[in-house]
Amino acid sequence: MSNFIVRLEHPDEAGWKTWVGPHVEWVRARIADGTIIASGPSVGTEIRQGWLIMSAETEQELRETLATDPFWENGIVENLLIVEWDPIFGRLDDISTSPGG
C-alpha cells in the first residue's frame, strides 16, 4: 500500500458551498474504509484548498477513488496535485486544531 498527499483547489466558492456537504460525507466514508488517513483545508490561502493524506495500491487506484468525490464529479476541483509520500516520522492527529472533527 502506498501513501499519497493530495491537494484539491476549489476556486468556485458557490460550487464549493453547494457540494461541501456531500463531499464531507464522502470523506467520512473514505476514512471509515481506510482510504483517507487525514483531511483538512489550507489556512490563509488565497484559493480554497483541501489536502488529503490517502492510501492506495497505485496512483491509478487513487485517481479512481478521487473520481467518486462529489467535488470531482461536479467539476469543483482545479489544479489537482498528487504526490506519493513516505511518512517516516511523527503522528498526525496530535498536531490537529480539531482532532476527530
C-alpha atoms as a PDB file:
ATOM      1  CA  MET A   1       0.000   0.000   0.000  1.00  0.00           C
ATOM      2  CA  SER A   2       1.317   3.446  -0.910  1.00  0.00           C
ATOM      3  CA  ASN A   3       0.561   6.778   0.749  1.00  0.00           C
ATOM      4  CA  PHE A   4      -0.189   9.966  -1.144  1.00  0.00           C
ATOM      5  CA  ILE A   5      -0.594  13.640  -0.352  1.00  0.00           C
ATOM      6  CA  VAL A   6      -3.373  15.145  -2.451  1.00  0.00           C
ATOM      7  CA  ARG A   7      -4.218  18.830  -2.932  1.00  0.00           C
ATOM      8  CA  LEU A   8      -7.547  19.890  -4.403  1.00  0.00           C
ATOM      9  CA  GLU A   9      -8.139  23.583  -5.203  1.00  0.00           C
ATOM     10  CA  HIS A  10     -11.684  24.963  -5.119  1.00  0.00           C
ATOM     11  CA  PRO A  11     -11.793  28.487  -6.618  1.00  0.00           C
ATOM     12  CA  ASP A  12     -15.565  28.243  -7.297  1.00  0.00           C
ATOM     13  CA  GLU A  13     -16.988  29.420  -3.947  1.00  0.00           C
ATOM     14  CA  ALA A  14     -20.633  28.880  -4.940  1.00  0.00           C
ATOM     15  CA  GLY A  15     -19.889  25.367  -6.199  1.00  0.00           C
ATOM     16  CA  TRP A  16     -17.918  24.601  -3.060  1.00  0.00           C
ATOM     17  CA  LYS A  17     -20.854  25.677  -0.860  1.00  0.00           C
ATOM     18  CA  THR A  18     -23.240  23.547  -2.923  1.00  0.00           C
ATOM     19  CA  TRP A  19     -21.192  20.354  -2.725  1.00  0.00           C
ATOM     20  CA  VAL A  20     -19.329  20.599   0.608  1.00  0.00           C
ATOM     21  CA  GLY A  21     -21.961  18.537   2.498  1.00  0.00           C
ATOM     22  CA  PRO A  22     -21.826  15.551   0.123  1.00  0.00           C
ATOM     23  CA  HIS A  23     -18.022  15.925  -0.027  1.00  0.00           C
ATOM     24  CA  VAL A  24     -17.771  15.683   3.778  1.00  0.00           C
ATOM     25  CA  GLU A  25     -19.935  12.537   3.707  1.00  0.00           C
ATOM     26  CA  TRP A  26     -17.597  11.110   1.042  1.00  0.00           C
ATOM     27  CA  VAL A  27     -14.546  11.991   3.181  1.00  0.00           C
ATOM     28  CA  ARG A  28     -16.068  10.286   6.244  1.00  0.00           C
ATOM     29  CA  ALA A  29     -16.813   7.160   4.193  1.00  0.00           C
ATOM     30  CA  ARG A  30     -13.226   7.082   2.879  1.00  0.00           C
ATOM     31  CA  ILE A  31     -11.903   7.479   6.441  1.00  0.00           C
ATOM     32  CA  ALA A  32     -14.115   4.571   7.521  1.00  0.00           C
ATOM     33  CA  ASP A  33     -12.803   2.353   4.712  1.00  0.00           C
ATOM     34  CA  GLY A  34      -9.193   3.347   5.426  1.00  0.00           C
ATOM     35  CA  THR A  35      -8.551   5.200   2.173  1.00  0.00           C
ATOM     36  CA  ILE A  36      -8.211   8.627   3.804  1.00  0.00           C
ATOM     37  CA  ILE A  37      -5.779   8.922   6.716  1.00  0.00           C
ATOM     38  CA  ALA A  38      -6.301  12.658   7.261  1.00  0.00           C
ATOM     39  CA  SER A  39      -8.082  15.521   5.513  1.00  0.00           C
ATOM     40  CA  GLY A  40      -8.441  19.254   6.011  1.00  0.00           C
ATOM     41  CA  PRO A  41      -8.275  22.696   4.443  1.00  0.00           C
ATOM     42  CA  SER A  42      -5.376  25.072   3.980  1.00  0.00           C
ATOM     43  CA  VAL A  43      -5.481  28.093   6.272  1.00  0.00           C
ATOM     44  CA  GLY A  44      -4.919  31.608   4.971  1.00  0.00           C
ATOM     45  CA  THR A  45      -4.512  30.716   1.307  1.00  0.00           C
ATOM     46  CA  GLU A  46      -5.836  32.933  -1.471  1.00  0.00           C
ATOM     47  CA  ILE A  47      -7.631  29.995  -3.118  1.00  0.00           C
ATOM     48  CA  ARG A  48      -9.602  27.478  -1.024  1.00  0.00           C
ATOM     49  CA  GLN A  49      -7.615  24.220  -0.896  1.00  0.00           C
ATOM     50  CA  GLY A  50      -8.276  20.807   0.582  1.00  0.00           C
ATOM     51  CA  TRP A  51      -5.432  18.467   1.495  1.00  0.00           C
ATOM     52  CA  LEU A  52      -5.772  14.733   1.962  1.00  0.00           C
ATOM     53  CA  ILE A  53      -3.378  12.020   3.040  1.00  0.00           C
ATOM     54  CA  MET A  54      -4.603   8.861   1.346  1.00  0.00           C
ATOM     55  CA  SER A  55      -3.641   5.215   0.914  1.00  0.00           C
ATOM     56  CA  ALA A  56      -3.996   3.218  -2.292  1.00  0.00           C
ATOM     57  CA  GLU A  57      -2.245   0.388  -4.067  1.00  0.00           C
ATOM     58  CA  THR A  58      -1.427   2.626  -7.043  1.00  0.00           C
ATOM     59  CA  GLU A  59      -1.859   6.219  -8.164  1.00  0.00           C
ATOM     60  CA  GLN A  60      -4.395   4.984 -10.730  1.00  0.00           C
ATOM     61  CA  GLU A  61      -6.472   3.404  -7.944  1.00  0.00           C
ATOM     62  CA  LEU A  62      -6.217   6.662  -6.001  1.00  0.00           C
ATOM     63  CA  ARG A  63      -7.412   8.655  -9.031  1.00  0.00           C
ATOM     64  CA  GLU A  64     -10.366   6.271  -9.437  1.00  0.00           C
ATOM     65  CA  THR A  65     -11.312   6.863  -5.805  1.00  0.00           C
ATOM     66  CA  LEU A  66     -10.968  10.642  -6.173  1.00  0.00           C
ATOM     67  CA  ALA A  67     -13.272  10.492  -9.209  1.00  0.00           C
ATOM     68  CA  THR A  68     -16.095   9.420  -6.860  1.00  0.00           C
ATOM     69  CA  ASP A  69     -15.785  12.586  -4.732  1.00  0.00           C
ATOM     70  CA  PRO A  70     -18.838  14.845  -5.289  1.00  0.00           C
ATOM     71  CA  PHE A  71     -16.451  17.801  -5.718  1.00  0.00           C
ATOM     72  CA  TRP A  72     -14.746  15.954  -8.578  1.00  0.00           C
ATOM     73  CA  GLU A  73     -17.981  14.640 -10.091  1.00  0.00           C
ATOM     74  CA  ASN A  74     -19.414  18.177 -10.173  1.00  0.00           C
ATOM     75  CA  GLY A  75     -16.344  19.970 -11.529  1.00  0.00           C
ATOM     76  CA  ILE A  76     -15.358  21.775  -8.320  1.00  0.00           C
ATOM     77  CA  VAL A  77     -11.712  20.605  -8.370  1.00  0.00           C
ATOM     78  CA  GLU A  78      -8.926  22.500 -10.117  1.00  0.00           C
ATOM     79  CA  ASN A  79      -5.150  22.069 -10.042  1.00  0.00           C
ATOM     80  CA  LEU A  80      -5.115  18.562  -8.620  1.00  0.00           C
ATOM     81  CA  LEU A  81      -1.748  17.620  -7.122  1.00  0.00           C
ATOM     82  CA  ILE A  82      -0.877  14.034  -6.171  1.00  0.00           C
ATOM     83  CA  VAL A  83       2.477  13.183  -4.591  1.00  0.00           C
ATOM     84  CA  GLU A  84       3.467   9.760  -3.300  1.00  0.00           C
ATOM     85  CA  TRP A  85       4.685  10.206   0.278  1.00  0.00           C
ATOM     86  CA  ASP A  86       6.571   8.124   2.843  1.00  0.00           C
ATOM     87  CA  PRO A  87       5.659   9.376   6.363  1.00  0.00           C
ATOM     88  CA  ILE A  88       8.638   8.033   8.257  1.00  0.00           C
ATOM     89  CA  PHE A  89       8.359  10.226  11.395  1.00  0.00           C
ATOM     90  CA  GLY A  90       5.601  11.735  13.544  1.00  0.00           C
ATOM     91  CA  ARG A  91       1.918  11.493  14.355  1.00  0.00           C
ATOM     92  CA  LEU A  92      -0.934  13.249  12.600  1.00  0.00           C
ATOM     93  CA  ASP A  93      -3.798  13.926  14.990  1.00  0.00           C
ATOM     94  CA  ASP A  94      -1.550  15.340  17.736  1.00  0.00           C
ATOM     95  CA  ILE A  95      -0.971  18.447  15.642  1.00  0.00           C
ATOM     96  CA  SER A  96      -4.589  18.958  14.555  1.00  0.00           C
ATOM     97  CA  THR A  97      -6.517  22.010  15.663  1.00  0.00           C
ATOM     98  CA  SER A  98      -9.688  19.891  15.582  1.00  0.00           C
ATOM     99  CA  PRO A  99      -8.887  16.248  16.480  1.00  0.00           C
ATOM    100  CA  GLY A 100     -11.679  13.933  15.391  1.00  0.00           C
ATOM    101  CA  GLY A 101     -13.574  16.909  13.914  1.00  0.00           C
END
